[in-house]
Protein backbone atom coordinates (compact mmCIF):
# COMPACT_ATOMS: atom_id res chain seq x y z
CA LEU A 1 13.30 -35.85 -15.99
CA LEU A 2 12.40 -32.26 -15.05
CA TRP A 3 8.89 -33.37 -14.06
CA LYS A 4 10.51 -35.86 -11.70
CA ILE A 5 13.20 -33.70 -10.09
CA LEU A 6 11.60 -30.26 -9.94
CA PRO A 7 9.24 -29.48 -7.04
CA GLY A 8 5.56 -28.84 -7.59
CA PRO A 9 2.25 -28.97 -5.71
CA LEU A 10 0.03 -32.06 -5.74
CA VAL A 11 -3.55 -31.24 -6.74
CA GLU A 12 -6.69 -33.23 -7.41
CA GLY A 13 -8.47 -33.30 -10.76
CA VAL A 14 -12.20 -33.39 -11.42
CA LEU A 15 -14.40 -36.19 -10.15
CA ILE A 16 -14.34 -39.11 -12.60
CA SER A 17 -17.36 -41.39 -12.82
CA PRO A 18 -16.33 -44.71 -14.43
CA PRO A 19 -18.62 -46.01 -17.22
CA PRO A 20 -20.87 -49.00 -16.36
CA GLU A 21 -18.65 -51.53 -18.17
CA THR A 22 -15.67 -50.67 -15.98
CA LYS A 23 -15.11 -52.80 -12.89
CA LYS A 24 -14.08 -49.71 -10.95
CA GLU A 25 -17.49 -48.58 -9.69
CA GLU A 26 -16.90 -45.68 -7.30
CA PRO A 27 -16.22 -42.14 -8.62
CA PHE A 28 -12.69 -40.98 -7.89
CA ARG A 29 -10.23 -38.13 -8.36
CA LEU A 30 -6.72 -38.43 -9.75
CA LYS A 31 -3.80 -36.50 -8.32
CA TYR A 32 -1.38 -34.48 -10.42
CA LYS A 33 2.06 -33.03 -9.79
CA LEU A 34 2.15 -29.56 -11.34
CA ASN A 35 5.57 -28.03 -12.01
CA GLY A 36 5.16 -27.00 -15.64
CA HIS A 37 5.75 -23.31 -14.95
CA LEU A 38 9.09 -23.97 -13.27
CA THR A 39 10.01 -26.39 -16.04
CA PHE A 40 9.27 -23.69 -18.62
CA TRP A 41 11.77 -21.28 -17.10
CA VAL A 42 14.47 -23.92 -16.70
CA VAL A 43 14.12 -24.92 -20.36
CA MET A 44 13.92 -21.34 -21.72
CA ILE A 45 16.87 -20.04 -19.71
CA THR A 46 18.99 -23.00 -20.77
CA ALA A 47 17.95 -22.56 -24.42
CA ALA A 48 19.06 -18.92 -24.41
CA PHE A 49 22.68 -20.08 -24.33
CA LEU A 50 22.40 -22.74 -27.05
CA PRO A 51 22.84 -22.35 -30.85
CA LEU A 52 19.44 -23.88 -31.59
CA ASN A 53 19.44 -22.72 -35.21
CA GLU A 54 22.29 -25.15 -35.93
CA TYR A 55 20.11 -28.06 -34.87
CA LEU A 56 16.39 -27.29 -34.82
CA TYR A 57 16.21 -24.89 -37.76
CA GLN A 58 18.63 -26.77 -39.99
CA TYR A 59 17.01 -30.18 -39.41
CA TRP A 60 13.39 -28.97 -39.19
CA GLU A 61 11.90 -31.38 -41.73
CA SER A 62 13.79 -34.42 -40.44
CA LEU A 63 12.75 -33.68 -36.88
CA ALA A 64 9.10 -33.35 -37.95
CA VAL A 65 9.16 -36.76 -39.68
CA VAL A 66 10.77 -38.45 -36.66
CA ASP A 67 8.23 -36.77 -34.38
CA ILE A 68 5.31 -38.09 -36.43
CA VAL A 69 6.75 -41.62 -36.39
CA LEU A 70 7.13 -41.43 -32.60
CA CYS A 71 3.48 -40.35 -32.31
CA LEU A 72 2.38 -43.36 -34.36
CA VAL A 73 4.40 -45.71 -32.16
CA ALA A 74 3.30 -44.06 -28.91
CA SER A 75 -0.38 -44.18 -29.90
CA THR A 76 -0.12 -47.87 -30.71
CA VAL A 77 1.61 -48.64 -27.41
CA LEU A 78 -1.01 -46.65 -25.49
CA TYR A 79 -3.83 -48.49 -27.26
CA LEU A 80 -2.37 -51.93 -26.46
CA TYR A 81 -1.56 -50.84 -22.88
CA SER A 82 -5.23 -49.95 -22.32
CA PHE A 83 -6.13 -53.68 -22.33
CA ARG A 84 -3.90 -54.49 -19.35
CA SER A 85 -6.77 -54.67 -16.84
CA PRO A 86 -10.61 -54.78 -16.74
CA SER A 87 -10.50 -51.89 -14.26
CA VAL A 88 -8.97 -49.48 -16.78
CA VAL A 89 -11.25 -46.43 -17.17
CA CYS A 90 -11.95 -45.93 -20.86
CA ALA A 91 -13.01 -42.75 -22.60
CA LYS A 92 -16.62 -42.83 -23.73
CA GLY A 93 -15.71 -41.96 -27.31
CA GLY A 94 -12.72 -44.28 -27.55
CA ASN A 95 -14.18 -47.61 -26.52
CA THR A 96 -16.40 -48.43 -29.48
CA GLY A 97 -14.82 -51.73 -30.45
CA ASN A 98 -13.61 -50.30 -33.75
CA VAL A 99 -9.83 -50.76 -33.52
CA VAL A 100 -8.85 -47.94 -35.88
CA TYR A 101 -11.31 -45.45 -34.41
CA ASP A 102 -10.39 -46.30 -30.81
CA TRP A 103 -6.67 -46.10 -31.64
CA PHE A 104 -7.23 -42.66 -33.18
CA MET A 105 -9.46 -41.25 -30.43
CA GLY A 106 -7.71 -42.96 -27.52
CA ARG A 107 -9.20 -45.87 -25.61
CA GLU A 108 -7.96 -45.13 -22.10
CA LEU A 109 -9.05 -41.89 -20.44
CA ASN A 110 -6.00 -41.32 -18.24
CA PRO A 111 -3.02 -43.55 -19.09
CA ARG A 112 -0.45 -43.35 -16.30
CA THR A 113 2.94 -44.62 -15.23
CA GLY A 114 2.91 -44.95 -11.47
CA SER A 115 0.42 -43.09 -9.35
CA LEU A 116 1.21 -39.54 -10.50
CA PHE A 117 2.72 -39.41 -14.00
CA ASP A 118 -0.20 -38.80 -16.36
CA TRP A 119 0.83 -39.14 -20.01
CA LYS A 120 -2.03 -37.07 -21.39
CA VAL A 121 -1.63 -34.08 -19.07
CA PHE A 122 2.17 -34.20 -19.49
CA CYS A 123 1.96 -34.16 -23.29
CA GLU A 124 -0.79 -31.54 -23.40
CA LEU A 125 1.43 -28.79 -21.99
CA ARG A 126 5.08 -29.75 -22.01
CA PRO A 127 6.97 -31.32 -24.94
CA GLY A 128 4.87 -29.73 -27.69
CA LEU A 129 4.52 -26.24 -26.23
CA MET A 130 8.13 -25.96 -25.15
CA GLY A 131 9.30 -27.51 -28.41
CA TRP A 132 7.28 -24.81 -30.21
CA MET A 133 9.16 -22.13 -28.28
CA LEU A 134 12.53 -23.71 -29.04
CA LEU A 135 11.71 -23.87 -32.76
CA ASN A 136 10.67 -20.20 -32.67
CA TYR A 137 13.88 -19.21 -30.94
CA SER A 138 15.92 -21.15 -33.50
CA CYS A 139 14.22 -19.05 -36.21
CA LEU A 140 15.09 -15.85 -34.37
CA GLN A 141 18.73 -16.94 -34.19
CA GLN A 142 18.73 -17.87 -37.88
CA GLN A 143 17.26 -14.52 -38.91
CA TYR A 144 20.01 -12.74 -37.00
CA LEU A 145 22.57 -14.92 -38.78
CA VAL A 146 21.05 -14.11 -42.20
CA ARG A 147 20.25 -10.40 -41.73
CA GLY A 148 22.59 -9.31 -39.00
CA SER A 149 19.58 -8.04 -37.05
CA ILE A 150 16.24 -9.19 -35.61
CA SER A 151 13.10 -7.61 -37.05
CA GLY A 152 10.18 -6.20 -35.11
CA SER A 153 7.92 -8.90 -36.55
CA MET A 154 10.24 -11.69 -35.39
CA ILE A 155 10.45 -10.17 -31.91
CA LEU A 156 6.66 -9.89 -31.69
CA VAL A 157 5.88 -13.41 -32.90
CA ASN A 158 8.35 -14.83 -30.37
CA LEU A 159 6.95 -12.56 -27.65
CA PHE A 160 3.26 -13.19 -28.44
CA GLN A 161 3.62 -16.95 -28.67
CA GLY A 162 6.00 -17.02 -25.71
CA ILE A 163 3.39 -15.29 -23.55
CA TYR A 164 0.77 -17.76 -24.78
CA VAL A 165 2.89 -20.76 -23.77
CA TRP A 166 3.98 -19.18 -20.49
CA ASP A 167 0.34 -18.42 -19.65
CA SER A 168 -0.67 -22.03 -20.37
CA LEU A 169 1.99 -23.37 -18.03
CA TYR A 170 1.46 -20.71 -15.38
CA GLN A 171 -2.24 -21.66 -15.39
CA GLU A 172 -1.38 -25.36 -15.59
CA ARG A 173 -4.08 -26.37 -13.16
CA ALA A 174 -6.79 -25.07 -15.50
CA ILE A 175 -6.03 -27.88 -17.99
CA LEU A 176 -7.49 -30.37 -15.53
CA THR A 177 -11.04 -29.11 -16.18
CA THR A 178 -10.82 -29.08 -19.99
CA MET A 179 -12.61 -31.49 -22.31
CA ASP A 180 -9.27 -32.95 -23.46
CA VAL A 181 -8.51 -34.15 -19.94
CA THR A 182 -11.97 -34.93 -18.57
CA THR A 183 -13.59 -36.53 -21.62
CA ASP A 184 -11.23 -37.50 -24.45
CA GLY A 185 -8.99 -40.54 -24.45
CA PHE A 186 -5.30 -40.27 -25.22
CA GLY A 187 -4.85 -41.70 -28.69
CA PHE A 188 -3.28 -40.61 -31.95
CA MET A 189 -5.52 -37.53 -32.26
CA LEU A 190 -4.23 -35.88 -29.09
CA CYS A 191 -0.77 -37.45 -29.24
CA PHE A 192 -0.10 -36.15 -32.75
CA GLY A 193 -1.78 -32.84 -32.02
CA ASP A 194 0.19 -32.19 -28.84
CA LEU A 195 3.61 -33.46 -29.88
CA ALA A 196 3.85 -32.85 -33.64
CA TRP A 197 1.11 -30.61 -35.00
CA VAL A 198 1.45 -27.84 -32.42
CA PRO A 199 5.23 -27.29 -32.51
CA PHE A 200 5.75 -27.72 -36.25
CA THR A 201 2.71 -25.83 -37.58
CA TYR A 202 2.32 -23.12 -34.96
CA SER A 203 5.93 -22.08 -35.56
CA VAL A 204 5.36 -21.52 -39.32
CA PRO A 205 5.09 -17.69 -38.94
CA ALA A 206 8.50 -17.52 -37.27
CA ARG A 207 10.04 -19.77 -39.92
CA TYR A 208 8.48 -17.67 -42.69
CA LEU A 209 9.97 -14.48 -41.23
CA VAL A 210 13.54 -15.75 -41.43
CA HIS A 211 13.75 -14.99 -45.17
CA ASN A 212 10.47 -13.15 -45.86
CA ASP A 213 10.20 -10.40 -43.29
CA PRO A 214 7.75 -7.69 -44.46
CA ASN A 215 9.55 -4.88 -42.57
CA LEU A 216 6.32 -3.52 -41.16
CA SER A 217 6.16 0.08 -39.96
CA TYR A 218 6.11 0.92 -36.27
CA TRP A 219 2.46 1.99 -36.60
CA SER A 220 1.52 -1.37 -38.11
CA LEU A 221 3.34 -3.25 -35.38
CA ALA A 222 1.75 -1.06 -32.69
CA THR A 223 -1.74 -1.77 -34.09
CA ILE A 224 -1.05 -5.50 -34.03
CA VAL A 225 0.15 -5.24 -30.42
CA VAL A 226 -3.12 -3.52 -29.43
CA LEU A 227 -5.17 -6.25 -31.13
CA HIS A 228 -3.13 -8.89 -29.34
CA ILE A 229 -3.69 -7.23 -25.96
CA ILE A 230 -7.45 -7.18 -26.60
CA GLY A 231 -7.42 -10.87 -27.52
CA TYR A 232 -5.27 -11.85 -24.54
CA THR A 233 -7.47 -9.87 -22.14
CA ILE A 234 -10.63 -11.62 -23.35
CA PHE A 235 -8.93 -15.02 -23.33
CA ARG A 236 -7.31 -14.78 -19.92
CA LEU A 237 -10.12 -13.09 -17.99
CA SER A 238 -12.85 -15.35 -19.39
CA ASN A 239 -10.90 -18.54 -18.79
CA GLY A 240 -9.87 -17.37 -15.33
CA GLN A 241 -13.48 -16.62 -14.44
CA LYS A 242 -14.66 -20.04 -15.67
CA ASP A 243 -11.91 -21.93 -13.85
CA ALA A 244 -12.48 -20.04 -10.58
CA PHE A 245 -16.24 -20.71 -10.74
CA ARG A 246 -15.73 -24.41 -11.44
CA ARG A 247 -13.37 -24.83 -8.51
CA ASN A 248 -15.31 -22.76 -6.01
CA PRO A 249 -18.57 -20.95 -6.92
CA ASN A 250 -18.36 -19.11 -3.59
CA ASP A 251 -14.98 -17.58 -4.41
CA PRO A 252 -15.32 -13.79 -3.85
CA ARG A 253 -14.10 -13.18 -7.41
CA VAL A 254 -17.10 -15.01 -8.92
CA ALA A 255 -19.69 -15.22 -6.12
CA HIS A 256 -21.57 -12.22 -7.56
CA LEU A 257 -22.14 -13.88 -10.94
CA GLN A 258 -25.57 -15.07 -12.00
CA TYR A 259 -25.99 -18.69 -12.99
CA MET A 260 -28.56 -21.25 -14.00
CA GLU A 261 -29.05 -24.34 -11.84
CA THR A 262 -29.35 -27.54 -13.89
CA GLN A 263 -31.18 -30.76 -13.10
CA ARG A 264 -27.77 -32.42 -12.73
CA GLY A 265 -27.03 -30.14 -9.80
CA THR A 266 -24.38 -28.16 -11.68
CA ARG A 267 -24.38 -24.48 -12.51
CA LEU A 268 -24.04 -22.68 -15.84
CA LEU A 269 -22.85 -19.08 -15.82
CA THR A 270 -25.26 -16.59 -17.37
CA SER A 271 -23.47 -13.34 -16.54
CA GLY A 272 -19.94 -11.94 -16.62
CA TRP A 273 -17.85 -13.00 -19.58
CA TRP A 274 -19.92 -16.14 -20.05
CA GLY A 275 -23.16 -14.19 -20.16
CA MET A 276 -21.90 -12.36 -23.25
CA ALA A 277 -21.19 -15.45 -25.36
CA ARG A 278 -20.97 -19.20 -24.76
CA LYS A 279 -17.52 -19.43 -26.33
CA ILE A 280 -16.17 -15.97 -25.58
CA ASN A 281 -12.76 -17.48 -24.76
CA TYR A 282 -12.52 -18.83 -28.31
CA THR A 283 -12.91 -15.28 -29.63
CA GLY A 284 -9.99 -14.04 -27.55
CA ASP A 285 -7.93 -17.07 -28.50
CA TYR A 286 -8.54 -16.46 -32.20
CA LEU A 287 -7.65 -12.78 -32.02
CA MET A 288 -4.32 -13.68 -30.46
CA GLY A 289 -3.65 -16.30 -33.11
CA LEU A 290 -4.53 -13.85 -35.88
CA THR A 291 -1.86 -11.41 -34.67
CA TRP A 292 0.77 -14.16 -34.99
CA CYS A 293 -0.03 -14.17 -38.71
CA LEU A 294 -0.50 -10.42 -39.20
CA VAL A 295 3.12 -9.72 -38.23
CA CYS A 296 4.09 -11.58 -41.42
CA GLY A 297 2.42 -9.00 -43.67
CA MET A 298 0.06 -9.71 -46.56
CA GLU A 299 2.35 -10.99 -49.32
CA SER A 300 1.67 -14.70 -48.79
CA LEU A 301 -1.04 -16.99 -47.47
CA VAL A 302 1.55 -19.39 -46.02
CA PRO A 303 1.86 -17.73 -42.59
CA TYR A 304 -1.96 -17.48 -42.45
CA PHE A 305 -2.30 -21.24 -42.43
CA TYR A 306 -2.72 -21.10 -38.65
CA ALA A 307 -5.49 -18.49 -38.78
CA ILE A 308 -7.44 -20.50 -41.38
CA TYR A 309 -6.92 -23.83 -39.62
CA PHE A 310 -7.71 -22.39 -36.18
CA ALA A 311 -11.00 -20.86 -37.37
CA ILE A 312 -12.09 -24.27 -38.67
CA LEU A 313 -10.90 -25.97 -35.45
CA LEU A 314 -12.76 -23.58 -33.14
CA ILE A 315 -15.99 -23.81 -35.12
CA HIS A 316 -15.79 -27.61 -35.16
CA ARG A 317 -14.91 -27.73 -31.45
CA SER A 318 -17.81 -25.43 -30.57
CA LEU A 319 -20.22 -27.71 -32.47
CA ARG A 320 -18.74 -30.75 -30.71
CA ASP A 321 -19.00 -29.06 -27.32
CA ASP A 322 -22.59 -28.04 -28.04
CA GLU A 323 -23.48 -31.62 -28.93
CA ALA A 324 -21.81 -32.96 -25.77
CA CYS A 325 -23.57 -30.38 -23.58
CA GLN A 326 -26.93 -31.13 -25.21
CA ALA A 327 -26.48 -34.80 -24.31
CA LYS A 328 -25.29 -33.91 -20.83
CA TYR A 329 -27.85 -31.27 -19.82
CA GLY A 330 -30.84 -32.06 -22.07
CA SER A 331 -33.60 -29.43 -21.94
CA ASP A 332 -31.50 -27.34 -19.54
CA TRP A 333 -29.06 -26.70 -22.39
CA ASP A 334 -31.88 -25.39 -24.60
CA GLN A 335 -32.90 -23.01 -21.82
CA TYR A 336 -29.27 -21.95 -21.31
CA LYS A 337 -28.89 -21.11 -25.01
CA GLN A 338 -31.94 -18.87 -24.76
CA LEU A 339 -30.32 -17.02 -21.84
CA VAL A 340 -26.95 -16.80 -23.64
CA PRO A 341 -27.89 -16.79 -27.35
CA TYR A 342 -24.54 -15.76 -28.84
CA LYS A 343 -21.67 -18.18 -29.33
CA PHE A 344 -18.58 -16.10 -30.19
CA ILE A 345 -19.27 -12.37 -30.51
CA PRO A 346 -21.96 -10.70 -28.38
CA GLY A 347 -24.77 -9.28 -30.49
CA ILE A 348 -23.42 -10.76 -33.74
CA VAL A 349 -22.87 -14.51 -33.73
């Protein structure tokens, strides 16, 4: 509803080249209505006046189960809907002919209702991320109800994760150049990840703090804040540099950067943030995520589930990205890795 009624600019996504088996032959660009940032503020301001702990916190498990069931249903509907026309553009990895695999990975690249409403882009940034924030806020309200006060750790985890979600929606246009949008289909993997996994697992630190706050010292909290700022700086500046270069290599902010010209006619950055490490943004992202766990102290591994899971995810994603780039660029990718030998941390790994 908010996507429909709130204003937002119309922008074009990346150029899509349909696979040979698709009857749509000419490359094309899809248009997107972007009003996620405005939607974020409408939802958050409204939520500030609602007793969310009476609903979201108290019925956490039931809501998670219902959410998972909805993801199963939605993924099945999307899979069946992808057979509506021979001109449907399928994702390369989701059109294998194996029903279970294609259902899981997503057969259609960009399932849409009408000319503008893109289900994948909508779900990537809206219901899950904002639901995550609402669950966090319900935990903050519940802690106040239990303790009569809100701890420094609870404030920081809500602030850190709130900034992360706000940043994602403020930079909404950047999602259009990510692998999720340009390459992957929209099946159970992304549907479940966006709508269920993100809100109900990423909010575990806040839920843990309701009854298990470690009462960290001001010095401990200040150290965690500094680490978070370092992570956010790396994450935001590197992603901003990449997105600006992709959209316009002649942009004054990135025109001075060195790059490698590929046989495909594209350019790979070899200086700036991306000259330091091929996945430098992952390093910043992980540091931020680690601080969400550190505010919970060291008495339990439970709030560190995210840090452990996210490390595995980023390593797996980097290997997947490397494989995709090797197939895409061939020998150019080998040359690029010689120019930028480190993956995560310059001089180390």
